[in-house]
PDB file of N, CA and C in Angstrom:
ATOM      1  N   MET A   1       9.527-108.807  59.474  1.00  0.00           N
ATOM      2  CA  MET A   1       8.353-109.571  59.090  1.00  0.00           C
ATOM      3  C   MET A   1       7.534-108.740  58.097  1.00  0.00           C
ATOM      4  N   ILE A   2       7.087-109.381  57.065  1.00  0.00           N
ATOM      5  CA  ILE A   2       6.293-108.712  56.041  1.00  0.00           C
ATOM      6  C   ILE A   2       4.844-108.598  56.537  1.00  0.00           C
ATOM      7  N   PRO A   3       4.281-107.397  56.520  1.00  0.00           N
ATOM      8  CA  PRO A   3       2.912-107.207  57.033  1.00  0.00           C
ATOM      9  C   PRO A   3       1.851-107.888  56.173  1.00  0.00           C
ATOM     10  N   ASP A   4       0.747-108.254  56.824  1.00  0.00           N
ATOM     11  CA  ASP A   4      -0.352-108.924  56.135  1.00  0.00           C
ATOM     12  C   ASP A   4      -0.922-108.079  55.000  1.00  0.00           C
ATOM     13  N   GLU A   5      -0.944-106.763  55.167  1.00  0.00           N
ATOM     14  CA  GLU A   5      -1.478-105.887  54.129  1.00  0.00           C
ATOM     15  C   GLU A   5      -0.677-106.029  52.828  1.00  0.00           C
ATOM     16  N   PHE A   6       0.628-106.174  52.954  1.00  0.00           N
ATOM     17  CA  PHE A   6       1.475-106.357  51.774  1.00  0.00           C
ATOM     18  C   PHE A   6       1.150-107.681  51.090  1.00  0.00           C
ATOM     19  N   ILE A   7       0.978-108.716  51.878  1.00  0.00           N
ATOM     20  CA  ILE A   7       0.684-110.041  51.314  1.00  0.00           C
ATOM     21  C   ILE A   7      -0.593-109.979  50.482  1.00  0.00           C
ATOM     22  N   GLU A   8      -1.640-109.382  51.041  1.00  0.00           N
ATOM     23  CA  GLU A   8      -2.900-109.312  50.304  1.00  0.00           C
ATOM     24  C   GLU A   8      -2.797-108.395  49.088  1.00  0.00           C
ATOM     25  N   TYR A   9      -2.095-107.285  49.233  1.00  0.00           N
ATOM     26  CA  TYR A   9      -1.932-106.358  48.116  1.00  0.00           C
ATOM     27  C   TYR A   9      -1.177-107.021  46.962  1.00  0.00           C
ATOM     28  N   TYR A  10      -0.115-107.730  47.292  1.00  0.00           N
ATOM     29  CA  TYR A  10       0.759-108.297  46.269  1.00  0.00           C
ATOM     30  C   TYR A  10       0.231-109.614  45.689  1.00  0.00           C
ATOM     31  N   TYR A  11      -0.317-110.476  46.551  1.00  0.00           N
ATOM     32  CA  TYR A  11      -0.716-111.811  46.099  1.00  0.00           C
ATOM     33  C   TYR A  11      -2.226-111.999  45.956  1.00  0.00           C
ATOM     34  N   GLY A  12      -3.027-111.125  46.510  1.00  0.00           N
ATOM     35  CA  GLY A  12      -4.474-111.276  46.459  1.00  0.00           C
ATOM     36  C   GLY A  12      -5.009-111.916  47.723  1.00  0.00           C
ATOM     37  N   LYS A  13      -6.275-112.282  47.670  1.00  0.00           N
ATOM     38  CA  LYS A  13      -6.933-112.879  48.831  1.00  0.00           C
ATOM     39  C   LYS A  13      -6.189-114.157  49.230  1.00  0.00           C
ATOM     40  N   TYR A  14      -5.942-114.282  50.529  1.00  0.00           N
ATOM     41  CA  TYR A  14      -5.169-115.429  51.002  1.00  0.00           C
ATOM     42  C   TYR A  14      -5.750-115.980  52.291  1.00  0.00           C
ATOM     43  N   LYS A  15      -5.291-117.151  52.636  1.00  0.00           N
ATOM     44  CA  LYS A  15      -5.624-117.789  53.907  1.00  0.00           C
ATOM     45  C   LYS A  15      -4.311-118.207  54.550  1.00  0.00           C
ATOM     46  N   GLN A  16      -4.316-118.323  55.858  1.00  0.00           N
ATOM     47  CA  GLN A  16      -3.103-118.710  56.573  1.00  0.00           C
ATOM     48  C   GLN A  16      -3.348-120.000  57.346  1.00  0.00           C
ATOM     49  N   ILE A  17      -2.347-120.855  57.381  1.00  0.00           N
ATOM     50  CA  ILE A  17      -2.397-122.086  58.163  1.00  0.00           C
ATOM     51  C   ILE A  17      -1.133-122.150  59.011  1.00  0.00           C
ATOM     52  N   ASP A  18      -1.287-122.553  60.254  1.00  0.00           N
ATOM     53  CA  ASP A  18      -0.170-122.635  61.194  1.00  0.00           C
ATOM     54  C   ASP A  18       0.129-124.105  61.488  1.00  0.00           C
ATOM     55  N   LEU A  19       1.339-124.518  61.194  1.00  0.00           N
ATOM     56  CA  LEU A  19       1.731-125.921  61.374  1.00  0.00           C
ATOM     57  C   LEU A  19       2.634-126.137  62.583  1.00  0.00           C
ATOM     58  N   HIS A  20       2.785-125.115  63.424  1.00  0.00           N
ATOM     59  CA  HIS A  20       3.622-125.246  64.622  1.00  0.00           C
ATOM     60  C   HIS A  20       3.203-126.460  65.450  1.00  0.00           C
ATOM     61  N   ASN A  21       4.164-127.133  66.018  1.00  0.00           N
ATOM     62  CA  ASN A  21       3.971-128.241  66.961  1.00  0.00           C
ATOM     63  C   ASN A  21       3.276-129.462  66.376  1.00  0.00           C
ATOM     64  N   LEU A  22       3.254-129.579  65.061  1.00  0.00           N
ATOM     65  CA  LEU A  22       2.705-130.779  64.435  1.00  0.00           C
ATOM     66  C   LEU A  22       3.844-131.692  64.005  1.00  0.00           C
ATOM     67  N   THR A  23       3.541-132.964  63.880  1.00  0.00           N
ATOM     68  CA  THR A  23       4.515-133.871  63.299  1.00  0.00           C
ATOM     69  C   THR A  23       4.560-133.604  61.795  1.00  0.00           C
ATOM     70  N   LYS A  24       5.578-134.106  61.142  1.00  0.00           N
ATOM     71  CA  LYS A  24       5.706-133.925  59.702  1.00  0.00           C
ATOM     72  C   LYS A  24       4.495-134.515  58.979  1.00  0.00           C
ATOM     73  N   GLU A  25       4.064-135.690  59.377  1.00  0.00           N
ATOM     74  CA  GLU A  25       2.927-136.347  58.730  1.00  0.00           C
ATOM     75  C   GLU A  25       1.632-135.577  58.968  1.00  0.00           C
ATOM     76  N   ASP A  26       1.407-135.114  60.207  1.00  0.00           N
ATOM     77  CA  ASP A  26       0.206-134.333  60.504  1.00  0.00           C
ATOM     78  C   ASP A  26       0.210-133.010  59.735  1.00  0.00           C
ATOM     79  N   ALA A  27       1.372-132.401  59.612  1.00  0.00           N
ATOM     80  CA  ALA A  27       1.488-131.148  58.860  1.00  0.00           C
ATOM     81  C   ALA A  27       1.130-131.378  57.394  1.00  0.00           C
ATOM     82  N   LYS A  28       1.603-132.465  56.831  1.00  0.00           N
ATOM     83  CA  LYS A  28       1.306-132.789  55.434  1.00  0.00           C
ATOM     84  C   LYS A  28      -0.187-133.023  55.231  1.00  0.00           C
ATOM     85  N   ILE A  29      -0.812-133.756  56.131  1.00  0.00           N
ATOM     86  CA  ILE A  29      -2.251-134.020  56.061  1.00  0.00           C
ATOM     87  C   ILE A  29      -3.032-132.719  56.151  1.00  0.00           C
ATOM     88  N   ASN A  30      -2.622-131.832  57.059  1.00  0.00           N
ATOM     89  CA  ASN A  30      -3.286-130.543  57.205  1.00  0.00           C
ATOM     90  C   ASN A  30      -3.154-129.695  55.946  1.00  0.00           C
ATOM     91  N   LEU A  31      -1.979-129.710  55.326  1.00  0.00           N
ATOM     92  CA  LEU A  31      -1.775-128.958  54.089  1.00  0.00           C
ATOM     93  C   LEU A  31      -2.677-129.468  52.971  1.00  0.00           C
ATOM     94  N   ILE A  32      -2.721-130.766  52.799  1.00  0.00           N
ATOM     95  CA  ILE A  32      -3.571-131.356  51.754  1.00  0.00           C
ATOM     96  C   ILE A  32      -5.028-130.980  51.996  1.00  0.00           C
ATOM     97  N   TYR A  33      -5.491-131.153  53.214  1.00  0.00           N
ATOM     98  CA  TYR A  33      -6.883-130.825  53.530  1.00  0.00           C
ATOM     99  C   TYR A  33      -7.174-129.355  53.261  1.00  0.00           C
ATOM    100  N   GLU A  34      -6.296-128.482  53.730  1.00  0.00           N
ATOM    101  CA  GLU A  34      -6.503-127.040  53.586  1.00  0.00           C
ATOM    102  C   GLU A  34      -6.536-126.624  52.113  1.00  0.00           C
ATOM    103  N   ILE A  35      -5.570-127.093  51.337  1.00  0.00           N
ATOM    104  CA  ILE A  35      -5.517-126.728  49.918  1.00  0.00           C
ATOM    105  C   ILE A  35      -6.745-127.230  49.173  1.00  0.00           C
ATOM    106  N   GLU A  36      -7.162-128.434  49.450  1.00  0.00           N
ATOM    107  CA  GLU A  36      -8.300-129.010  48.732  1.00  0.00           C
ATOM    108  C   GLU A  36      -9.640-128.423  49.160  1.00  0.00           C
ATOM    109  N   SER A  37      -9.677-127.766  50.314  1.00  0.00           N
ATOM    110  CA  SER A  37     -10.945-127.189  50.771  1.00  0.00           C
ATOM    111  C   SER A  37     -11.034-125.674  50.538  1.00  0.00           C
ATOM    112  N   LEU A  38     -10.002-125.072  49.950  1.00  0.00           N
ATOM    113  CA  LEU A  38     -10.007-123.633  49.702  1.00  0.00           C
ATOM    114  C   LEU A  38     -10.972-123.258  48.595  1.00  0.00           C
ATOM    115  N   ASP A  39     -11.635-122.122  48.768  1.00  0.00           N
ATOM    116  CA  ASP A  39     -12.487-121.579  47.717  1.00  0.00           C
ATOM    117  C   ASP A  39     -11.619-121.096  46.566  1.00  0.00           C
ATOM    118  N   SER A  40     -12.200-121.014  45.397  1.00  0.00           N
ATOM    119  CA  SER A  40     -11.435-120.615  44.216  1.00  0.00           C
ATOM    120  C   SER A  40     -11.009-119.152  44.238  1.00  0.00           C
ATOM    121  N   ASP A  41     -11.620-118.341  45.104  1.00  0.00           N
ATOM    122  CA  ASP A  41     -11.220-116.933  45.185  1.00  0.00           C
ATOM    123  C   ASP A  41      -9.972-116.713  46.046  1.00  0.00           C
ATOM    124  N   ILE A  42      -9.507-117.755  46.723  1.00  0.00           N
ATOM    125  CA  ILE A  42      -8.273-117.676  47.512  1.00  0.00           C
ATOM    126  C   ILE A  42      -7.106-117.884  46.557  1.00  0.00           C
ATOM    127  N   LYS A  43      -6.231-116.913  46.488  1.00  0.00           N
ATOM    128  CA  LYS A  43      -5.120-116.923  45.535  1.00  0.00           C
ATOM    129  C   LYS A  43      -3.804-117.408  46.127  1.00  0.00           C
ATOM    130  N   ALA A  44      -3.711-117.418  47.472  1.00  0.00           N
ATOM    131  CA  ALA A  44      -2.455-117.814  48.111  1.00  0.00           C
ATOM    132  C   ALA A  44      -2.738-118.432  49.472  1.00  0.00           C
ATOM    133  N   LEU A  45      -1.852-119.313  49.881  1.00  0.00           N
ATOM    134  CA  LEU A  45      -1.908-119.924  51.205  1.00  0.00           C
ATOM    135  C   LEU A  45      -0.607-119.601  51.914  1.00  0.00           C
ATOM    136  N   VAL A  46      -0.711-118.874  53.016  1.00  0.00           N
ATOM    137  CA  VAL A  46       0.465-118.547  53.826  1.00  0.00           C
ATOM    138  C   VAL A  46       0.635-119.675  54.833  1.00  0.00           C
ATOM    139  N   VAL A  47       1.766-120.364  54.753  1.00  0.00           N
ATOM    140  CA  VAL A  47       2.043-121.500  55.621  1.00  0.00           C
ATOM    141  C   VAL A  47       3.040-121.054  56.690  1.00  0.00           C
ATOM    142  N   VAL A  48       2.586-121.058  57.945  1.00  0.00           N
ATOM    143  CA  VAL A  48       3.452-120.714  59.073  1.00  0.00           C
ATOM    144  C   VAL A  48       4.034-122.023  59.585  1.00  0.00           C
ATOM    145  N   HIS A  49       5.346-122.170  59.406  1.00  0.00           N
ATOM    146  CA  HIS A  49       5.995-123.419  59.813  1.00  0.00           C
ATOM    147  C   HIS A  49       7.015-123.197  60.908  1.00  0.00           C
ATOM    148  N   GLY A  50       7.438-121.974  61.110  1.00  0.00           N
ATOM    149  CA  GLY A  50       8.445-121.683  62.131  1.00  0.00           C
ATOM    150  C   GLY A  50       9.802-122.228  61.735  1.00  0.00           C
ATOM    151  N   TYR A  51      10.757-122.008  62.619  1.00  0.00           N
ATOM    152  CA  TYR A  51      12.104-122.526  62.391  1.00  0.00           C
ATOM    153  C   TYR A  51      12.905-122.647  63.678  1.00  0.00           C
ATOM    154  N   HIS A  52      12.429-122.075  64.771  1.00  0.00           N
ATOM    155  CA  HIS A  52      13.180-122.141  66.030  1.00  0.00           C
ATOM    156  C   HIS A  52      13.160-123.533  66.645  1.00  0.00           C
ATOM    157  N   GLY A  53      12.091-124.278  66.439  1.00  0.00           N
ATOM    158  CA  GLY A  53      11.968-125.606  67.024  1.00  0.00           C
ATOM    159  C   GLY A  53      12.538-126.704  66.147  1.00  0.00           C
ATOM    160  N   GLY A  54      13.219-126.353  65.092  1.00  0.00           N
ATOM    161  CA  GLY A  54      13.753-127.320  64.142  1.00  0.00           C
ATOM    162  C   GLY A  54      13.278-126.993  62.747  1.00  0.00           C
ATOM    163  N   VAL A  55      13.845-127.678  61.784  1.00  0.00           N
ATOM    164  CA  VAL A  55      13.545-127.342  60.389  1.00  0.00           C
ATOM    165  C   VAL A  55      12.854-128.475  59.623  1.00  0.00           C
ATOM    166  N   VAL A  56      12.373-129.481  60.306  1.00  0.00           N
ATOM    167  CA  VAL A  56      11.727-130.610  59.624  1.00  0.00           C
ATOM    168  C   VAL A  56      10.481-130.143  58.870  1.00  0.00           C
ATOM    169  N   ILE A  57       9.613-129.393  59.530  1.00  0.00           N
ATOM    170  CA  ILE A  57       8.390-128.912  58.882  1.00  0.00           C
ATOM    171  C   ILE A  57       8.740-127.892  57.797  1.00  0.00           C
ATOM    172  N   LYS A  58       9.672-127.002  58.096  1.00  0.00           N
ATOM    173  CA  LYS A  58      10.092-125.993  57.121  1.00  0.00           C
ATOM    174  C   LYS A  58      10.606-126.660  55.844  1.00  0.00           C
ATOM    175  N   LYS A  59      11.440-127.673  55.991  1.00  0.00           N
ATOM    176  CA  LYS A  59      11.999-128.387  54.839  1.00  0.00           C
ATOM    177  C   LYS A  59      10.896-129.096  54.057  1.00  0.00           C
ATOM    178  N   MET A  60       9.958-129.705  54.775  1.00  0.00           N
ATOM    179  CA  MET A  60       8.861-130.396  54.106  1.00  0.00           C
ATOM    180  C   MET A  60       8.020-129.389  53.308  1.00  0.00           C
ATOM    181  N   VAL A  61       7.676-128.264  53.935  1.00  0.00           N
ATOM    182  CA  VAL A  61       6.840-127.248  53.288  1.00  0.00           C
ATOM    183  C   VAL A  61       7.525-126.669  52.054  1.00  0.00           C
ATOM    184  N   ARG A  62       8.799-126.349  52.180  1.00  0.00           N
ATOM    185  CA  ARG A  62       9.501-125.658  51.092  1.00  0.00           C
ATOM    186  C   ARG A  62      10.065-126.576  50.015  1.00  0.00           C
ATOM    187  N   ASP A  63      10.506-127.770  50.401  1.00  0.00           N
ATOM    188  CA  ASP A  63      11.239-128.615  49.458  1.00  0.00           C
ATOM    189  C   ASP A  63      10.526-129.903  49.045  1.00  0.00           C
ATOM    190  N   GLU A  64       9.768-130.488  49.952  1.00  0.00           N
ATOM    191  CA  GLU A  64       9.245-131.824  49.702  1.00  0.00           C
ATOM    192  C   GLU A  64       7.776-131.851  49.288  1.00  0.00           C
ATOM    193  N   PHE A  65       6.977-130.957  49.832  1.00  0.00           N
ATOM    194  CA  PHE A  65       5.533-130.998  49.600  1.00  0.00           C
ATOM    195  C   PHE A  65       5.179-130.433  48.224  1.00  0.00           C
ATOM    196  N   ASN A  66       4.333-131.149  47.523  1.00  0.00           N
ATOM    197  CA  ASN A  66       3.820-130.703  46.228  1.00  0.00           C
ATOM    198  C   ASN A  66       2.335-131.025  46.160  1.00  0.00           C
ATOM    199  N   HIS A  67       1.625-130.206  45.410  1.00  0.00           N
ATOM    200  CA  HIS A  67       0.193-130.407  45.211  1.00  0.00           C
ATOM    201  C   HIS A  67      -0.156-129.795  43.855  1.00  0.00           C
ATOM    202  N   PRO A  68      -1.086-130.390  43.127  1.00  0.00           N
ATOM    203  CA  PRO A  68      -1.436-129.869  41.803  1.00  0.00           C
ATOM    204  C   PRO A  68      -1.916-128.409  41.800  1.00  0.00           C
ATOM    205  N   ARG A  69      -2.452-127.904  42.907  1.00  0.00           N
ATOM    206  CA  ARG A  69      -2.934-126.515  42.953  1.00  0.00           C
ATOM    207  C   ARG A  69      -1.819-125.511  43.221  1.00  0.00           C
ATOM    208  N   ILE A  70      -0.645-125.970  43.607  1.00  0.00           N
ATOM    209  CA  ILE A  70       0.450-125.048  43.898  1.00  0.00           C
ATOM    210  C   ILE A  70       1.148-124.678  42.599  1.00  0.00           C
ATOM    211  N   GLU A  71       1.104-123.403  42.277  1.00  0.00           N
ATOM    212  CA  GLU A  71       1.777-122.892  41.088  1.00  0.00           C
ATOM    213  C   GLU A  71       3.214-122.506  41.393  1.00  0.00           C
ATOM    214  N   LYS A  72       3.420-121.929  42.574  1.00  0.00           N
ATOM    215  CA  LYS A  72       4.738-121.425  42.934  1.00  0.00           C
ATOM    216  C   LYS A  72       4.855-121.343  44.448  1.00  0.00           C
ATOM    217  N   LYS A  73       6.063-121.542  44.958  1.00  0.00           N
ATOM    218  CA  LYS A  73       6.349-121.383  46.380  1.00  0.00           C
ATOM    219  C   LYS A  73       7.238-120.161  46.549  1.00  0.00           C
ATOM    220  N   VAL A  74       6.887-119.322  47.526  1.00  0.00           N
ATOM    221  CA  VAL A  74       7.652-118.111  47.798  1.00  0.00           C
ATOM    222  C   VAL A  74       8.064-118.131  49.261  1.00  0.00           C
ATOM    223  N   ASN A  75       9.372-118.032  49.515  1.00  0.00           N
ATOM    224  CA  ASN A  75       9.872-117.966  50.883  1.00  0.00           C
ATOM    225  C   ASN A  75       9.642-116.554  51.396  1.00  0.00           C
ATOM    226  N   LEU A  76       8.633-116.399  52.235  1.00  0.00           N
ATOM    227  CA  LEU A  76       8.243-115.081  52.725  1.00  0.00           C
ATOM    228  C   LEU A  76       9.247-114.551  53.743  1.00  0.00           C
ATOM    229  N   ASP A  77       9.581-115.369  54.703  1.00  0.00           N
ATOM    230  CA  ASP A  77      10.616-115.071  55.688  1.00  0.00           C
ATOM    231  C   ASP A  77      11.035-116.404  56.298  1.00  0.00           C
ATOM    232  N   ALA A  78      11.838-116.382  57.341  1.00  0.00           N
ATOM    233  CA  ALA A  78      12.382-117.629  57.887  1.00  0.00           C
ATOM    234  C   ALA A  78      11.313-118.583  58.409  1.00  0.00           C
ATOM    235  N   GLY A  79      10.183-118.054  58.841  1.00  0.00           N
ATOM    236  CA  GLY A  79       9.162-118.901  59.440  1.00  0.00           C
ATOM    237  C   GLY A  79       7.890-119.060  58.639  1.00  0.00           C
ATOM    238  N   ARG A  80       7.833-118.446  57.438  1.00  0.00           N
ATOM    239  CA  ARG A  80       6.613-118.530  56.628  1.00  0.00           C
ATOM    240  C   ARG A  80       6.951-118.725  55.149  1.00  0.00           C
ATOM    241  N   THR A  81       6.096-119.492  54.500  1.00  0.00           N
ATOM    242  CA  THR A  81       6.198-119.732  53.062  1.00  0.00           C
ATOM    243  C   THR A  81       4.813-119.486  52.464  1.00  0.00           C
ATOM    244  N   ILE A  82       4.780-118.896  51.280  1.00  0.00           N
ATOM    245  CA  ILE A  82       3.507-118.688  50.591  1.00  0.00           C
ATOM    246  C   ILE A  82       3.422-119.651  49.414  1.00  0.00           C
ATOM    247  N   TYR A  83       2.288-120.317  49.321  1.00  0.00           N
ATOM    248  CA  TYR A  83       1.980-121.101  48.141  1.00  0.00           C
ATOM    249  C   TYR A  83       1.063-120.254  47.273  1.00  0.00           C
ATOM    250  N   ILE A  84       1.523-119.914  46.067  1.00  0.00           N
ATOM    251  CA  ILE A  84       0.692-119.237  45.094  1.00  0.00           C
ATOM    252  C   ILE A  84      -0.125-120.328  44.394  1.00  0.00           C
ATOM    253  N   LEU A  85      -1.431-120.170  44.379  1.00  0.00           N
ATOM    254  CA  LEU A  85      -2.305-121.237  43.908  1.00  0.00           C
ATOM    255  C   LEU A  85      -2.758-121.021  42.479  1.00  0.00           C
ATOM    256  N   LYS A  86      -2.948-122.133  41.791  1.00  0.00           N
ATOM    257  CA  LYS A  86      -3.524-122.103  40.443  1.00  0.00           C
ATOM    258  C   LYS A  86      -5.017-121.862  40.579  1.00  0.00           C
ATOM    259  N   TYR A  87      -5.592-121.262  39.563  1.00  0.00           N
ATOM    260  CA  TYR A  87      -7.035-120.954  39.591  1.00  0.00           C
ATOM    261  C   TYR A  87      -7.865-122.134  39.280  1.00  0.00           C
TER     262      TYR A  87
END
């Protein structure tokens, strides 16, 4: 697992959201809300989606979900993805 200090050092100020145990639709709603409510000084959003309970949320986060503020998606590890945000 990549330590939080590395994430902040490499990507800048970030926020984390945990989507465990949500339905795909609820996870999507939470992502939209979180991204749209972030301050402009937040440079990345770490999305904890897990993978042991199935890959529906993981697939949605990595492959299906898009938002105008997302510049790039980075697969951090099997259970987390980072969205690099546009300024």
